[in-house]
Amino acid sequence: PALVLLDLDQVQQPADEVADALARSGQAASR
């Protein structure tokens, strides 16, 4: 069982933009 955090089928932005945003968010969280 899992908690759905983000349904990628509902995201309207291009996949590369989503990937970049998630990477930036992860970097900020680790700092």
Full PDB file with SEQRES, HELIX, SHEET, SSBOND, CRYST1, ORIGX, SCALE, CONECT and MASTER records, all heavy atoms in Angstrom:
SEQRES   1 A   31  PRO ALA LEU VAL LEU LEU ASP LEU ASP GLN VAL GLN GLN          
SEQRES   2 A   31  PRO ALA ASP GLU VAL ALA ASP ALA LEU ALA ARG SER GLY          
SEQRES   3 A   31  GLN ALA ALA SER ARG                                          
HELIX    1 AA1 LEU A    8  GLN A   10  5                                   3    
HELIX    2 AA2 ALA A   15  SER A   30  1                                  16    
CRYST1    1.000    1.000    1.000  90.00  90.00  90.00 P 1           1          
ORIGX1      1.000000  0.000000  0.000000        0.00000                         
ORIGX2      0.000000  1.000000  0.000000        0.00000                         
ORIGX3      0.000000  0.000000  1.000000        0.00000                         
SCALE1      1.000000  0.000000  0.000000        0.00000                         
SCALE2      0.000000  1.000000  0.000000        0.00000                         
SCALE3      0.000000  0.000000  1.000000        0.00000                         
ATOM      1  N   PRO A   1       0.837  -1.202   0.000  1.00  0.00           N  
ATOM      2  CA  PRO A   1       0.000   0.000   0.000  1.00  0.00           C  
ATOM      3  C   PRO A   1       0.874   1.255   0.000  1.00  0.00           C  
ATOM      4  O   PRO A   1       1.951   1.280   0.601  1.00  0.00           O  
ATOM      5  CB  PRO A   1      -0.788  -0.115   1.308  1.00  0.00           C  
ATOM      6  CG  PRO A   1      -0.723  -1.552   1.681  1.00  0.00           C  
ATOM      7  CD  PRO A   1       0.581  -2.062   1.159  1.00  0.00           C  
ATOM      8  N   ALA A   2       0.392   2.298  -0.670  1.00  0.00           N  
ATOM      9  CA  ALA A   2       1.155   3.537  -0.800  1.00  0.00           C  
ATOM     10  C   ALA A   2       0.226   4.740  -0.794  1.00  0.00           C  
ATOM     11  O   ALA A   2      -0.954   4.634  -1.121  1.00  0.00           O  
ATOM     12  CB  ALA A   2       1.962   3.511  -2.090  1.00  0.00           C  
ATOM     13  N   LEU A   3       0.786   5.868  -0.419  1.00  0.00           N  
ATOM     14  CA  LEU A   3       0.076   7.141  -0.463  1.00  0.00           C  
ATOM     15  C   LEU A   3       0.459   7.843  -1.762  1.00  0.00           C  
ATOM     16  O   LEU A   3       1.651   8.031  -2.045  1.00  0.00           O  
ATOM     17  CB  LEU A   3       0.470   8.004   0.738  1.00  0.00           C  
ATOM     18  CG  LEU A   3      -0.138   9.393   0.823  1.00  0.00           C  
ATOM     19  CD1 LEU A   3      -1.647   9.315   0.986  1.00  0.00           C  
ATOM     20  CD2 LEU A   3       0.486  10.163   1.971  1.00  0.00           C  
ATOM     21  N   VAL A   4      -0.510   8.193  -2.566  1.00  0.00           N  
ATOM     22  CA  VAL A   4      -0.243   8.894  -3.828  1.00  0.00           C  
ATOM     23  C   VAL A   4       0.045  10.359  -3.493  1.00  0.00           C  
ATOM     24  O   VAL A   4      -0.816  11.072  -2.976  1.00  0.00           O  
ATOM     25  CB  VAL A   4      -1.436   8.779  -4.800  1.00  0.00           C  
ATOM     26  CG1 VAL A   4      -1.160   9.565  -6.074  1.00  0.00           C  
ATOM     27  CG2 VAL A   4      -1.740   7.320  -5.108  1.00  0.00           C  
ATOM     28  N   LEU A   5       1.269  10.797  -3.771  1.00  0.00           N  
ATOM     29  CA  LEU A   5       1.661  12.180  -3.521  1.00  0.00           C  
ATOM     30  C   LEU A   5       1.412  13.067  -4.736  1.00  0.00           C  
ATOM     31  O   LEU A   5       1.060  14.229  -4.603  1.00  0.00           O  
ATOM     32  CB  LEU A   5       3.147  12.250  -3.147  1.00  0.00           C  
ATOM     33  CG  LEU A   5       3.567  11.472  -1.903  1.00  0.00           C  
ATOM     34  CD1 LEU A   5       5.076  11.540  -1.743  1.00  0.00           C  
ATOM     35  CD2 LEU A   5       2.860  12.012  -0.668  1.00  0.00           C  
ATOM     36  N   LEU A   6       1.625  12.502  -5.910  1.00  0.00           N  
ATOM     37  CA  LEU A   6       1.474  13.262  -7.147  1.00  0.00           C  
ATOM     38  C   LEU A   6       1.064  12.300  -8.248  1.00  0.00           C  
ATOM     39  O   LEU A   6       1.760  11.317  -8.512  1.00  0.00           O  
ATOM     40  CB  LEU A   6       2.805  13.938  -7.511  1.00  0.00           C  
ATOM     41  CG  LEU A   6       2.875  14.714  -8.814  1.00  0.00           C  
ATOM     42  CD1 LEU A   6       1.927  15.906  -8.791  1.00  0.00           C  
ATOM     43  CD2 LEU A   6       4.287  15.181  -9.083  1.00  0.00           C  
ATOM     44  N   ASP A   7      -0.072  12.566  -8.847  1.00  0.00           N  
ATOM     45  CA  ASP A   7      -0.542  11.761  -9.971  1.00  0.00           C  
ATOM     46  C   ASP A   7      -0.011  12.398 -11.251  1.00  0.00           C  
ATOM     47  O   ASP A   7      -0.503  13.446 -11.687  1.00  0.00           O  
ATOM     48  CB  ASP A   7      -2.068  11.699  -9.986  1.00  0.00           C  
ATOM     49  CG  ASP A   7      -2.624  10.806 -11.073  1.00  0.00           C  
ATOM     50  OD1 ASP A   7      -1.858  10.396 -11.977  1.00  0.00           O  
ATOM     51  OD2 ASP A   7      -3.827  10.508 -11.029  1.00  0.00           O  
ATOM     52  N   LEU A   8       1.002  11.794 -11.830  1.00  0.00           N  
ATOM     53  CA  LEU A   8       1.658  12.392 -12.991  1.00  0.00           C  
ATOM     54  C   LEU A   8       0.750  12.475 -14.208  1.00  0.00           C  
ATOM     55  O   LEU A   8       1.001  13.266 -15.116  1.00  0.00           O  
ATOM     56  CB  LEU A   8       2.932  11.622 -13.321  1.00  0.00           C  
ATOM     57  CG  LEU A   8       4.019  11.729 -12.233  1.00  0.00           C  
ATOM     58  CD1 LEU A   8       5.197  10.845 -12.587  1.00  0.00           C  
ATOM     59  CD2 LEU A   8       4.460  13.166 -12.038  1.00  0.00           C  
ATOM     60  N   ASP A   9      -0.322  11.693 -14.240  1.00  0.00           N  
ATOM     61  CA  ASP A   9      -1.283  11.789 -15.341  1.00  0.00           C  
ATOM     62  C   ASP A   9      -2.052  13.100 -15.305  1.00  0.00           C  
ATOM     63  O   ASP A   9      -2.628  13.517 -16.303  1.00  0.00           O  
ATOM     64  CB  ASP A   9      -2.272  10.618 -15.309  1.00  0.00           C  
ATOM     65  CG  ASP A   9      -1.620   9.296 -15.680  1.00  0.00           C  
ATOM     66  OD1 ASP A   9      -0.598   9.317 -16.397  1.00  0.00           O  
ATOM     67  OD2 ASP A   9      -2.130   8.257 -15.246  1.00  0.00           O  
ATOM     68  N   GLN A  10      -2.079  13.763 -14.147  1.00  0.00           N  
ATOM     69  CA  GLN A  10      -2.811  15.014 -14.010  1.00  0.00           C  
ATOM     70  C   GLN A  10      -1.925  16.253 -14.167  1.00  0.00           C  
ATOM     71  O   GLN A  10      -2.407  17.366 -14.159  1.00  0.00           O  
ATOM     72  CB  GLN A  10      -3.522  15.059 -12.662  1.00  0.00           C  
ATOM     73  CG  GLN A  10      -4.587  14.006 -12.532  1.00  0.00           C  
ATOM     74  CD  GLN A  10      -5.303  14.071 -11.197  1.00  0.00           C  
ATOM     75  OE1 GLN A  10      -5.001  14.876 -10.341  1.00  0.00           O  
ATOM     76  NE2 GLN A  10      -6.278  13.190 -11.029  1.00  0.00           N  
ATOM     77  N   VAL A  11      -0.631  16.051 -14.308  1.00  0.00           N  
ATOM     78  CA  VAL A  11       0.309  17.162 -14.464  1.00  0.00           C  
ATOM     79  C   VAL A  11       0.275  17.634 -15.908  1.00  0.00           C  
ATOM     80  O   VAL A  11       0.368  16.823 -16.832  1.00  0.00           O  
ATOM     81  CB  VAL A  11       1.738  16.721 -14.066  1.00  0.00           C  
ATOM     82  CG1 VAL A  11       2.745  17.833 -14.332  1.00  0.00           C  
ATOM     83  CG2 VAL A  11       1.770  16.315 -12.597  1.00  0.00           C  
ATOM     84  N   GLN A  12       0.148  18.954 -16.094  1.00  0.00           N  
ATOM     85  CA  GLN A  12       0.042  19.502 -17.443  1.00  0.00           C  
ATOM     86  C   GLN A  12       1.387  19.965 -18.003  1.00  0.00           C  
ATOM     87  O   GLN A  12       1.528  20.138 -19.202  1.00  0.00           O  
ATOM     88  CB  GLN A  12      -0.947  20.657 -17.454  1.00  0.00           C  
ATOM     89  CG  GLN A  12      -2.357  20.211 -17.121  1.00  0.00           C  
ATOM     90  CD  GLN A  12      -3.345  21.363 -17.102  1.00  0.00           C  
ATOM     91  OE1 GLN A  12      -2.997  22.501 -17.385  1.00  0.00           O  
ATOM     92  NE2 GLN A  12      -4.582  21.071 -16.773  1.00  0.00           N  
ATOM     93  N   GLN A  13       2.371  20.159 -17.149  1.00  0.00           N  
ATOM     94  CA  GLN A  13       3.679  20.615 -17.601  1.00  0.00           C  
ATOM     95  C   GLN A  13       4.429  19.457 -18.257  1.00  0.00           C  
ATOM     96  O   GLN A  13       4.190  18.297 -17.953  1.00  0.00           O  
ATOM     97  CB  GLN A  13       4.508  21.143 -16.423  1.00  0.00           C  
ATOM     98  CG  GLN A  13       4.037  22.469 -15.888  1.00  0.00           C  
ATOM     99  CD  GLN A  13       2.758  22.367 -15.062  1.00  0.00           C  
ATOM    100  OE1 GLN A  13       2.352  21.295 -14.648  1.00  0.00           O  
ATOM    101  NE2 GLN A  13       2.116  23.488 -14.845  1.00  0.00           N  
ATOM    102  N   PRO A  14       5.367  19.784 -19.141  1.00  0.00           N  
ATOM    103  CA  PRO A  14       6.192  18.746 -19.770  1.00  0.00           C  
ATOM    104  C   PRO A  14       6.992  17.968 -18.717  1.00  0.00           C  
ATOM    105  O   PRO A  14       7.383  18.511 -17.680  1.00  0.00           O  
ATOM    106  CB  PRO A  14       7.130  19.533 -20.689  1.00  0.00           C  
ATOM    107  CG  PRO A  14       6.444  20.841 -20.922  1.00  0.00           C  
ATOM    108  CD  PRO A  14       5.662  21.120 -19.667  1.00  0.00           C  
ATOM    109  N   ALA A  15       7.244  16.713 -19.000  1.00  0.00           N  
ATOM    110  CA  ALA A  15       7.928  15.829 -18.048  1.00  0.00           C  
ATOM    111  C   ALA A  15       9.285  16.372 -17.621  1.00  0.00           C  
ATOM    112  O   ALA A  15       9.660  16.262 -16.448  1.00  0.00           O  
ATOM    113  CB  ALA A  15       8.072  14.442 -18.652  1.00  0.00           C  
ATOM    114  N   ASP A  16      10.036  16.989 -18.545  1.00  0.00           N  
ATOM    115  CA  ASP A  16      11.355  17.497 -18.172  1.00  0.00           C  
ATOM    116  C   ASP A  16      11.254  18.661 -17.189  1.00  0.00           C  
ATOM    117  O   ASP A  16      12.088  18.788 -16.285  1.00  0.00           O  
ATOM    118  CB  ASP A  16      12.185  17.883 -19.404  1.00  0.00           C  
ATOM    119  CG  ASP A  16      11.539  18.958 -20.265  1.00  0.00           C  
ATOM    120  OD1 ASP A  16      10.300  19.124 -20.217  1.00  0.00           O  
ATOM    121  OD2 ASP A  16      12.276  19.632 -21.007  1.00  0.00           O  
ATOM    122  N   GLU A  17      10.218  19.484 -17.296  1.00  0.00           N  
ATOM    123  CA  GLU A  17      10.014  20.577 -16.342  1.00  0.00           C  
ATOM    124  C   GLU A  17       9.668  20.030 -14.956  1.00  0.00           C  
ATOM    125  O   GLU A  17      10.142  20.529 -13.945  1.00  0.00           O  
ATOM    126  CB  GLU A  17       8.902  21.516 -16.819  1.00  0.00           C  
ATOM    127  CG  GLU A  17       9.289  22.399 -17.969  1.00  0.00           C  
ATOM    128  CD  GLU A  17       8.160  23.344 -18.352  1.00  0.00           C  
ATOM    129  OE1 GLU A  17       7.299  23.663 -17.500  1.00  0.00           O  
ATOM    130  OE2 GLU A  17       8.147  23.775 -19.524  1.00  0.00           O  
ATOM    131  N   VAL A  18       8.845  19.003 -14.924  1.00  0.00           N  
ATOM    132  CA  VAL A  18       8.473  18.380 -13.653  1.00  0.00           C  
ATOM    133  C   VAL A  18       9.705  17.762 -13.003  1.00  0.00           C  
ATOM    134  O   VAL A  18       9.958  17.940 -11.808  1.00  0.00           O  
ATOM    135  CB  VAL A  18       7.365  17.326 -13.852  1.00  0.00           C  
ATOM    136  CG1 VAL A  18       7.077  16.581 -12.566  1.00  0.00           C  
ATOM    137  CG2 VAL A  18       6.102  17.978 -14.389  1.00  0.00           C  
ATOM    138  N   ALA A  19      10.502  17.055 -13.784  1.00  0.00           N  
ATOM    139  CA  ALA A  19      11.714  16.429 -13.264  1.00  0.00           C  
ATOM    140  C   ALA A  19      12.677  17.477 -12.709  1.00  0.00           C  
ATOM    141  O   ALA A  19      13.251  17.300 -11.634  1.00  0.00           O  
ATOM    142  CB  ALA A  19      12.388  15.599 -14.350  1.00  0.00           C  
ATOM    143  N   ASP A  20      12.845  18.590 -13.427  1.00  0.00           N  
ATOM    144  CA  ASP A  20      13.724  19.668 -12.963  1.00  0.00           C  
ATOM    145  C   ASP A  20      13.216  20.256 -11.648  1.00  0.00           C  
ATOM    146  O   ASP A  20      13.996  20.501 -10.726  1.00  0.00           O  
ATOM    147  CB  ASP A  20      13.844  20.769 -14.012  1.00  0.00           C  
ATOM    148  CG  ASP A  20      14.671  20.364 -15.221  1.00  0.00           C  
ATOM    149  OD1 ASP A  20      15.397  19.352 -15.148  1.00  0.00           O  
ATOM    150  OD2 ASP A  20      14.567  21.068 -16.251  1.00  0.00           O  
ATOM    151  N   ALA A  21      11.915  20.495 -11.565  1.00  0.00           N  
ATOM    152  CA  ALA A  21      11.333  21.070 -10.347  1.00  0.00           C  
ATOM    153  C   ALA A  21      11.503  20.122  -9.154  1.00  0.00           C  
ATOM    154  O   ALA A  21      11.836  20.562  -8.049  1.00  0.00           O  
ATOM    155  CB  ALA A  21       9.857  21.393 -10.563  1.00  0.00           C  
ATOM    156  N   LEU A  22      11.285  18.835  -9.374  1.00  0.00           N  
ATOM    157  CA  LEU A  22      11.457  17.867  -8.292  1.00  0.00           C  
ATOM    158  C   LEU A  22      12.918  17.787  -7.858  1.00  0.00           C  
ATOM    159  O   LEU A  22      13.209  17.686  -6.666  1.00  0.00           O  
ATOM    160  CB  LEU A  22      10.943  16.491  -8.724  1.00  0.00           C  
ATOM    161  CG  LEU A  22       9.434  16.381  -8.882  1.00  0.00           C  
ATOM    162  CD1 LEU A  22       9.063  15.045  -9.520  1.00  0.00           C  
ATOM    163  CD2 LEU A  22       8.721  16.553  -7.551  1.00  0.00           C  
ATOM    164  N   ALA A  23      13.831  17.843  -8.808  1.00  0.00           N  
ATOM    165  CA  ALA A  23      15.259  17.811  -8.470  1.00  0.00           C  
ATOM    166  C   ALA A  23      15.650  19.043  -7.659  1.00  0.00           C  
ATOM    167  O   ALA A  23      16.364  18.932  -6.657  1.00  0.00           O  
ATOM    168  CB  ALA A  23      16.094  17.717  -9.741  1.00  0.00           C  
ATOM    169  N   ARG A  24      15.168  20.213  -8.060  1.00  0.00           N  
ATOM    170  CA  ARG A  24      15.464  21.446  -7.310  1.00  0.00           C  
ATOM    171  C   ARG A  24      14.883  21.358  -5.903  1.00  0.00           C  
ATOM    172  O   ARG A  24      15.522  21.751  -4.930  1.00  0.00           O  
ATOM    173  CB  ARG A  24      14.909  22.669  -8.034  1.00  0.00           C  
ATOM    174  CG  ARG A  24      15.730  23.095  -9.229  1.00  0.00           C  
ATOM    175  CD  ARG A  24      15.310  24.475  -9.732  1.00  0.00           C  
ATOM    176  NE  ARG A  24      13.883  24.594  -9.969  1.00  0.00           N  
ATOM    177  CZ  ARG A  24      13.258  24.264 -11.103  1.00  0.00           C  
ATOM    178  NH1 ARG A  24      13.962  23.803 -12.124  1.00  0.00           N  
ATOM    179  NH2 ARG A  24      11.970  24.421 -11.237  1.00  0.00           N  
ATOM    180  N   SER A  25      13.674  20.853  -5.783  1.00  0.00           N  
ATOM    181  CA  SER A  25      13.034  20.718  -4.487  1.00  0.00           C  
ATOM    182  C   SER A  25      13.828  19.769  -3.587  1.00  0.00           C  
ATOM    183  O   SER A  25      14.028  20.041  -2.413  1.00  0.00           O  
ATOM    184  CB  SER A  25      11.603  20.198  -4.670  1.00  0.00           C  
ATOM    185  OG  SER A  25      11.009  19.967  -3.436  1.00  0.00           O  
ATOM    186  N   GLY A  26      14.282  18.674  -4.138  1.00  0.00           N  
ATOM    187  CA  GLY A  26      15.086  17.725  -3.373  1.00  0.00           C  
ATOM    188  C   GLY A  26      16.405  18.310  -2.930  1.00  0.00           C  
ATOM    189  O   GLY A  26      16.860  18.090  -1.812  1.00  0.00           O  
ATOM    190  N   GLN A  27      17.026  19.103  -3.792  1.00  0.00           N  
ATOM    191  CA  GLN A  27      18.287  19.746  -3.433  1.00  0.00           C  
ATOM    192  C   GLN A  27      18.081  20.762  -2.319  1.00  0.00           C  
ATOM    193  O   GLN A  27      18.863  20.833  -1.374  1.00  0.00           O  
ATOM    194  CB  GLN A  27      18.902  20.429  -4.657  1.00  0.00           C  
ATOM    195  CG  GLN A  27      19.417  19.449  -5.694  1.00  0.00           C  
ATOM    196  CD  GLN A  27      19.779  20.145  -6.987  1.00  0.00           C  
ATOM    197  OE1 GLN A  27      19.518  21.332  -7.186  1.00  0.00           O  
ATOM    198  NE2 GLN A  27      20.375  19.385  -7.899  1.00  0.00           N  
ATOM    199  N   ALA A  28      17.001  21.530  -2.393  1.00  0.00           N  
ATOM    200  CA  ALA A  28      16.708  22.527  -1.360  1.00  0.00           C  
ATOM    201  C   ALA A  28      16.425  21.836  -0.033  1.00  0.00           C  
ATOM    202  O   ALA A  28      16.870  22.278   1.021  1.00  0.00           O  
ATOM    203  CB  ALA A  28      15.526  23.389  -1.775  1.00  0.00           C  
ATOM    204  N   ALA A  29      15.698  20.734  -0.059  1.00  0.00           N  
ATOM    205  CA  ALA A  29      15.377  20.016   1.169  1.00  0.00           C  
ATOM    206  C   ALA A  29      16.635  19.441   1.796  1.00  0.00           C  
ATOM    207  O   ALA A  29      16.786  19.459   3.030  1.00  0.00           O  
ATOM    208  CB  ALA A  29      14.373  18.903   0.876  1.00  0.00           C  
ATOM    209  N   SER A  30      17.556  18.942   1.003  1.00  0.00           N  
ATOM    210  CA  SER A  30      18.761  18.356   1.578  1.00  0.00           C  
ATOM    211  C   SER A  30      19.657  19.436   2.172  1.00  0.00           C  
ATOM    212  O   SER A  30      20.346  19.203   3.157  1.00  0.00           O  
ATOM    213  CB  SER A  30      19.532  17.542   0.524  1.00  0.00           C  
ATOM    214  OG  SER A  30      20.069  18.369  -0.475  1.00  0.00           O  
ATOM    215  N   ARG A  31      19.633  20.649   1.610  1.00  0.00           N  
ATOM    216  CA  ARG A  31      20.422  21.749   2.185  1.00  0.00           C  
ATOM    217  C   ARG A  31      19.853  22.199   3.531  1.00  0.00           C  
ATOM    218  O   ARG A  31      20.590  22.522   4.445  1.00  0.00           O  
ATOM    219  CB  ARG A  31      20.470  22.919   1.209  1.00  0.00           C  
ATOM    220  CG  ARG A  31      21.416  22.732   0.067  1.00  0.00           C  
ATOM    221  CD  ARG A  31      21.670  24.051  -0.649  1.00  0.00           C  
ATOM    222  NE  ARG A  31      20.452  24.628  -1.197  1.00  0.00           N  
ATOM    223  CZ  ARG A  31      19.998  24.429  -2.426  1.00  0.00           C  
ATOM    224  NH1 ARG A  31      20.664  23.668  -3.247  1.00  0.00           N  
ATOM    225  NH2 ARG A  31      18.900  25.006  -2.848  1.00  0.00           N  
TER     226      ARG A  31                                                      
MASTER        0    0    0    2    0    0    0    6  225    1    0    3          
END                                                                             
